[in-house]
Protein backbone atom coordinates (compact mmCIF):
# COMPACT_ATOMS: atom_id res chain seq x y z
CA MET A 1 2.00 -2.40 -3.25
CA ILE A 2 -1.10 -1.41 -4.82
CA PHE A 3 -2.30 0.99 -2.10
CA LYS A 4 0.79 3.16 -2.08
CA ASP A 5 -0.34 5.29 0.84
CA SER A 6 -1.59 2.45 2.96
CA LEU A 7 -0.42 1.83 6.34
CA VAL A 8 1.23 -1.70 6.73
CA TYR A 9 1.83 -2.22 10.28
CA PRO A 10 -0.97 -1.87 12.29
CA SER A 11 -0.55 -1.42 15.93
CA CYS A 12 -1.96 -3.07 19.08
CA LEU A 13 -5.80 -3.83 19.41
CA PRO A 14 -7.96 -0.58 19.55
CA GLN A 15 -9.92 -0.64 22.61
CA ASN A 16 -12.98 1.11 21.26
CA LYS A 17 -13.82 -1.13 18.42
CA THR A 18 -16.21 -3.96 17.80
CA ARG A 19 -15.98 -7.57 18.83
CA TRP A 20 -15.48 -8.74 15.32
CA ALA A 21 -13.37 -5.87 14.64
CA ARG A 22 -11.04 -6.97 17.34
CA LEU A 23 -10.98 -10.74 16.20
CA TRP A 24 -10.01 -9.58 12.93
CA LYS A 25 -6.74 -8.03 14.62
CA ILE A 26 -5.69 -10.92 16.06
CA SER A 27 -2.40 -12.57 15.18
CA TYR A 28 -3.70 -15.71 13.14
CA GLY A 29 -0.38 -16.15 11.76
CA GLY A 30 1.36 -16.26 15.07
CA TRP A 31 -1.32 -18.78 16.45
CA LEU A 32 -1.14 -20.85 13.20
CA LYS A 33 2.64 -21.12 13.91
CA ILE A 34 2.28 -22.04 17.55
CA VAL A 35 -0.64 -24.81 16.73
CA THR A 36 1.30 -26.22 13.69
CA GLY A 37 4.65 -26.35 15.68
CA SER A 38 3.08 -27.87 18.73
CA ILE A 39 1.41 -30.59 16.49
CA LEU A 40 4.53 -31.41 14.55
CA THR A 41 6.66 -31.37 18.00
CA ALA A 42 4.16 -33.83 19.55
CA TYR A 43 4.36 -36.11 16.32
CA VAL A 44 8.20 -36.05 16.39
CA ALA A 45 8.14 -36.92 20.32
CA PHE A 46 5.90 -39.81 19.98
CA CYS A 47 6.61 -41.48 16.74
CA LEU A 48 9.49 -43.31 17.98
CA ASP A 49 8.93 -46.39 19.82
CA ASP A 50 11.15 -46.19 22.77
CA GLY A 51 10.76 -42.06 22.83
CA MET A 52 12.98 -39.01 22.13
CA VAL A 53 15.95 -40.46 24.03
CA LEU A 54 18.88 -38.11 23.88
CA MET A 55 21.78 -40.56 24.85
CA SER A 56 22.27 -44.28 25.01
CA LYS A 57 22.82 -46.18 28.40
CA GLN A 58 25.87 -47.93 27.19
CA VAL A 59 29.43 -47.00 27.99
CA PRO A 60 30.62 -44.73 26.66
CA PRO A 61 27.04 -43.00 25.80
CA ARG A 62 26.22 -42.15 22.09
CA PHE A 63 24.12 -39.57 21.28
CA LEU A 64 20.64 -41.04 19.13
CA TYR A 65 18.40 -40.13 16.72
CA PRO A 66 20.25 -36.78 15.57
CA LYS A 67 17.96 -36.20 12.45
CA GLU A 68 14.80 -36.51 14.80
CA TRP A 69 16.29 -33.88 17.42
CA GLN A 70 17.16 -31.62 14.41
CA HIS A 71 13.56 -31.91 13.43
CA LEU A 72 12.32 -31.14 16.97
CA THR A 73 14.68 -28.11 17.17
CA MET A 74 13.11 -26.73 14.08
CA PHE A 75 9.69 -27.15 15.33
CA ILE A 76 10.50 -25.56 18.52
CA LEU A 77 11.77 -22.59 16.69
CA LEU A 78 8.44 -22.20 14.69
CA ILE A 79 6.47 -22.24 17.95
CA LEU A 80 8.96 -19.44 19.33
CA ASN A 81 8.49 -17.36 16.36
CA GLY A 82 4.57 -17.74 16.68
CA CYS A 83 4.80 -16.62 20.41
CA VAL A 84 6.83 -13.41 19.53
CA ASP A 85 4.24 -12.59 16.87
CA VAL A 86 1.17 -12.92 19.28
CA MET A 87 3.02 -11.06 22.04
CA SER A 88 4.11 -8.12 19.53
CA LYS A 89 0.83 -7.59 17.66
CA ASN A 90 -1.64 -8.59 20.73
CA LEU A 91 0.14 -7.97 23.86
CA LEU A 92 2.43 -5.33 23.63
CA PRO A 93 0.95 -1.58 23.70
CA GLN A 94 2.81 -0.87 20.49
CA ARG A 95 3.63 -3.08 17.86
CA CYS A 96 7.27 -3.96 17.51
CA VAL A 97 8.04 -5.00 13.85
CA VAL A 98 11.82 -5.09 14.45
CA LEU A 99 11.37 -7.47 17.25
CA GLU A 100 9.23 -9.91 14.78
CA LYS A 101 11.67 -9.46 11.97
CA GLY A 102 14.74 -9.99 14.07
CA THR A 103 13.23 -13.20 15.53
CA LEU A 104 12.41 -14.59 12.08
CA VAL A 105 15.69 -13.75 10.95
CA LEU A 106 17.51 -15.40 13.74
CA SER A 107 15.11 -18.54 13.23
CA PHE A 108 16.34 -18.76 9.65
CA TYR A 109 19.98 -18.39 10.72
CA GLU A 110 19.50 -21.57 12.96
CA LEU A 111 17.40 -23.20 10.43
CA LEU A 112 19.95 -22.89 7.89
CA LEU A 113 22.67 -24.29 10.19
CA LEU A 114 20.54 -27.09 11.03
CA MET A 115 19.56 -28.00 7.30
CA VAL A 116 23.37 -27.95 6.15
CA SER A 117 24.01 -30.55 9.22
CA HIS A 118 21.16 -32.38 8.22
CA LEU A 119 22.83 -33.24 4.81
CA GLN A 120 25.28 -35.66 6.90
CA GLY A 121 25.08 -39.14 5.31
CA SER A 122 22.45 -38.07 2.71
CA SER A 123 22.97 -39.20 -0.91
CA GLY A 124 21.06 -39.32 -4.45
CA VAL A 125 17.42 -38.08 -4.30
CA GLU A 126 17.68 -37.16 -0.72
CA LEU A 127 20.67 -35.08 -1.08
CA GLN A 128 19.30 -33.16 -4.09
CA VAL A 129 16.01 -32.22 -2.55
CA HIS A 130 17.57 -30.98 0.68
CA SER A 131 20.16 -29.06 -1.33
CA LEU A 132 17.45 -27.14 -3.20
CA LEU A 133 15.73 -26.44 0.15
CA ILE A 134 18.90 -25.04 1.57
CA LEU A 135 19.11 -22.80 -1.44
CA VAL A 136 15.70 -21.29 -0.76
CA VAL A 137 16.27 -21.13 2.89
CA PHE A 138 19.61 -19.08 2.26
CA LEU A 139 18.11 -16.87 0.10
CA LEU A 140 15.04 -16.30 2.21
CA MET A 141 17.61 -15.61 5.26
CA LEU A 142 19.40 -13.07 2.86
CA VAL A 143 16.08 -11.09 2.07
CA LEU A 144 14.81 -11.02 5.69
CA THR A 145 18.16 -9.59 6.73
CA ALA A 146 17.94 -7.03 4.45
CA GLU A 147 14.37 -6.35 5.57
CA LEU A 148 15.99 -5.24 9.08
CA TRP A 149 17.61 -2.26 7.21
CA ALA A 150 14.97 -1.61 4.68
CA PRO A 151 11.60 -2.67 5.92
CA ASP A 152 9.41 -0.47 3.45
CA MET A 153 10.87 -1.72 0.07
CA SER A 154 8.02 -3.31 -1.81
CA GLN A 155 10.52 -5.26 -3.78
CA LEU A 156 11.80 -7.23 -0.76
CA TRP A 157 8.12 -8.20 0.24
CA VAL A 158 7.66 -9.59 -3.03
CA MET A 159 10.82 -11.55 -2.95
CA GLU A 160 9.88 -12.82 0.77
CA THR A 161 6.46 -14.02 -0.36
CA PHE A 162 7.97 -15.63 -3.41
CA LEU A 163 10.40 -17.57 -1.28
CA PHE A 164 8.16 -18.57 1.37
CA LEU A 165 5.66 -19.78 -1.34
CA MET A 166 8.60 -21.76 -2.61
CA MET A 167 9.86 -23.27 0.69
CA GLY A 168 6.19 -24.27 1.57
CA SER A 169 5.42 -26.11 -1.82
CA TRP A 170 8.80 -27.59 -1.90
CA LEU A 171 8.60 -28.91 1.40
CA MET A 172 5.33 -30.71 0.46
CA GLN A 173 6.98 -32.16 -2.53
CA VAL A 174 9.94 -33.38 -0.46
CA GLY A 175 7.28 -35.44 1.67
CA PHE A 176 5.93 -37.04 -1.50
CA ILE A 177 9.43 -37.81 -2.94
CA LEU A 178 10.98 -39.28 0.22
CA PHE A 179 8.11 -40.75 2.29
CA ARG A 180 4.85 -41.01 0.18
CA PRO A 181 5.85 -41.40 -3.93
CA VAL A 182 2.85 -41.02 -6.03
CA SER A 183 3.95 -43.89 -8.16
CA GLY A 184 3.89 -46.20 -5.22
CA TYR A 185 7.59 -46.91 -5.45
CA PRO A 186 10.39 -45.43 -3.92
CA TRP A 187 12.73 -42.83 -5.83
CA GLN A 188 16.09 -44.75 -6.72
CA ASP A 189 19.53 -43.10 -5.62
CA ASP A 190 21.39 -44.95 -8.16
CA ASP A 191 18.94 -43.86 -11.08
CA ILE A 192 20.25 -40.44 -12.57
CA ASN A 193 16.71 -39.97 -14.13
CA ASP A 194 15.30 -39.52 -10.79
CA ILE A 195 18.00 -37.04 -9.49
CA MET A 196 17.61 -35.05 -12.61
CA PHE A 197 13.70 -34.97 -12.47
CA VAL A 198 14.06 -33.53 -8.80
CA THR A 199 15.49 -30.37 -10.22
CA THR A 200 12.92 -30.30 -13.00
CA PHE A 201 10.12 -30.37 -10.51
CA PHE A 202 11.88 -27.67 -8.64
CA CYS A 203 11.69 -25.40 -11.74
CA TRP A 204 8.18 -26.37 -12.22
CA HIS A 205 7.58 -25.07 -8.60
CA LEU A 206 9.71 -21.95 -9.43
CA MET A 207 7.17 -21.22 -12.51
CA ILE A 208 3.86 -22.30 -10.89
CA ASN A 209 4.71 -20.19 -7.60
CA ALA A 210 5.30 -17.07 -9.94
CA SER A 211 2.40 -17.57 -11.76
CA CYS A 212 0.16 -17.91 -8.60
CA LEU A 213 1.81 -14.38 -7.20
CA LEU A 214 1.45 -12.73 -10.76
CA GLY A 215 -2.15 -13.93 -10.92
CA ILE A 216 -3.00 -12.63 -6.98
CA TYR A 217 -1.33 -9.15 -8.10
CA GLY A 218 -3.34 -9.10 -11.39
CA PHE A 219 -6.65 -9.90 -9.69
CA SER A 220 -6.10 -7.43 -6.85
CA SER A 221 -5.07 -4.59 -9.25
CA PHE A 222 -8.49 -5.58 -11.34
CA TRP A 223 -10.37 -5.43 -8.08
CA HIS A 224 -8.60 -2.09 -6.97
CA ARG A 225 -9.40 -0.31 -10.17
CA CYS A 226 -13.22 -1.31 -10.03
CA TYR A 227 -13.75 -0.51 -6.20
CA SER A 228 -11.18 1.94 -5.43
CA PRO A 229 -13.53 4.77 -4.16
CA ARG A 230 -14.82 2.24 -1.56
CA LEU A 231 -11.61 0.78 -0.75
CA LYS A 232 -9.91 4.34 -0.25
CA LEU A 233 -12.83 5.31 1.98
CA MET A 234 -12.49 2.45 4.20
CA THR A 235 -8.79 2.99 4.30
CA SER A 236 -9.27 6.27 5.35
CA LYS A 237 -11.49 5.41 8.18
CA GLU A 238 -9.26 2.57 9.41
CA ALA A 239 -5.97 5.06 9.49
CA PRO A 240 -6.52 6.69 12.55
CA TYR A 241 -6.36 3.05 14.46
CA HIS A 242 -3.10 2.25 12.61
CA SER A 243 0.48 3.09 12.63
CA SER A 244 3.31 2.45 10.60
CA ILE A 245 7.13 2.65 10.44
CA PRO A 246 8.27 6.39 10.18
CA GLY A 247 8.84 7.15 6.56
CA PRO A 248 8.76 10.12 4.35
CA LEU A 249 4.93 10.09 3.86
CA TYR A 250 4.47 9.75 7.62
CA LYS A 251 6.93 12.59 8.37
CA LEU A 252 5.12 14.88 5.96
CA LEU A 253 1.99 13.87 7.54
CA GLN A 254 3.14 14.79 10.95
CA GLU A 255 4.74 18.08 9.96
CA ALA A 256 1.16 19.10 8.01
CA GLU A 257 -0.69 18.44 11.11
CA GLN A 258 1.81 20.41 13.23
CA SER A 259 1.48 23.39 11.10
CA GLU A 260 -2.35 23.11 11.02
CA LYS A 261 -2.31 22.92 15.06
CA ASN A 262 -0.07 26.16 14.96
CA GLY A 263 -2.45 27.94 12.73
CA GLN A 264 -5.28 27.13 14.62
CA ALA A 265 -3.54 28.34 17.88
CA LEU A 266 -2.60 31.56 16.20
CA LEU A 267 -6.06 32.30 14.95
CA SER A 268 -7.52 31.42 18.36
CA THR A 269 -4.96 34.21 20.17
CA SER A 270 -5.40 36.97 17.31
CA SER A 271 -9.46 36.77 17.64
CA PRO A 272 -11.19 39.01 20.11
């Protein structure tokens, strides 16, 4: 948002760059998704004593461990999304942002379905924390869907970043509420105070994440204002190795380049 003319979506790795520049262009986010999803998948698969058994051996057979299988499905979605990011940014000749966004949106549609089903049999504190998480996932799904048609809207970028911050911080809070309470005593489902404080903590997360986002933007604005000549020079040097989604600025640049080429060709033909 600060660099109004910055090119947002870089293409595949340039072939004539140094080793450190090539390392900088690697899809670290995609690899982080793959590694994290693999670790969590292994944890879910091996945390049960008798393993991840799908159905019992009794007659008639019954499905076993429904919540664990839903967790496993969520982590597999994370791995697949990371694979698509790596493939698009580092393997394809041209980065396909629509493929990345479409895969992410599809993952969140499936995640929302799993989360709604995950509430079955929940009550009290567990129901409250999952309901608030579903709210964040639903809003994030709407924002990501809107980005498919408006990928250049900075307002959607800000909302997406804020909702991802909310989802991550609230997931960590949910882990401490349900599994490792700070006080050492489990939260009580029949205590209305505990349920009310779950919502209070969620509102605190909203304020903290908004302040974090505002602080990052303020620091970036200050840095850009103090070091703008150097940063603009770096941006202009990096520009030939990037490509962005066609927009008004991109089309104007193309038209200017074409008119310049036509002018040069006209001068060359008219000269003796």
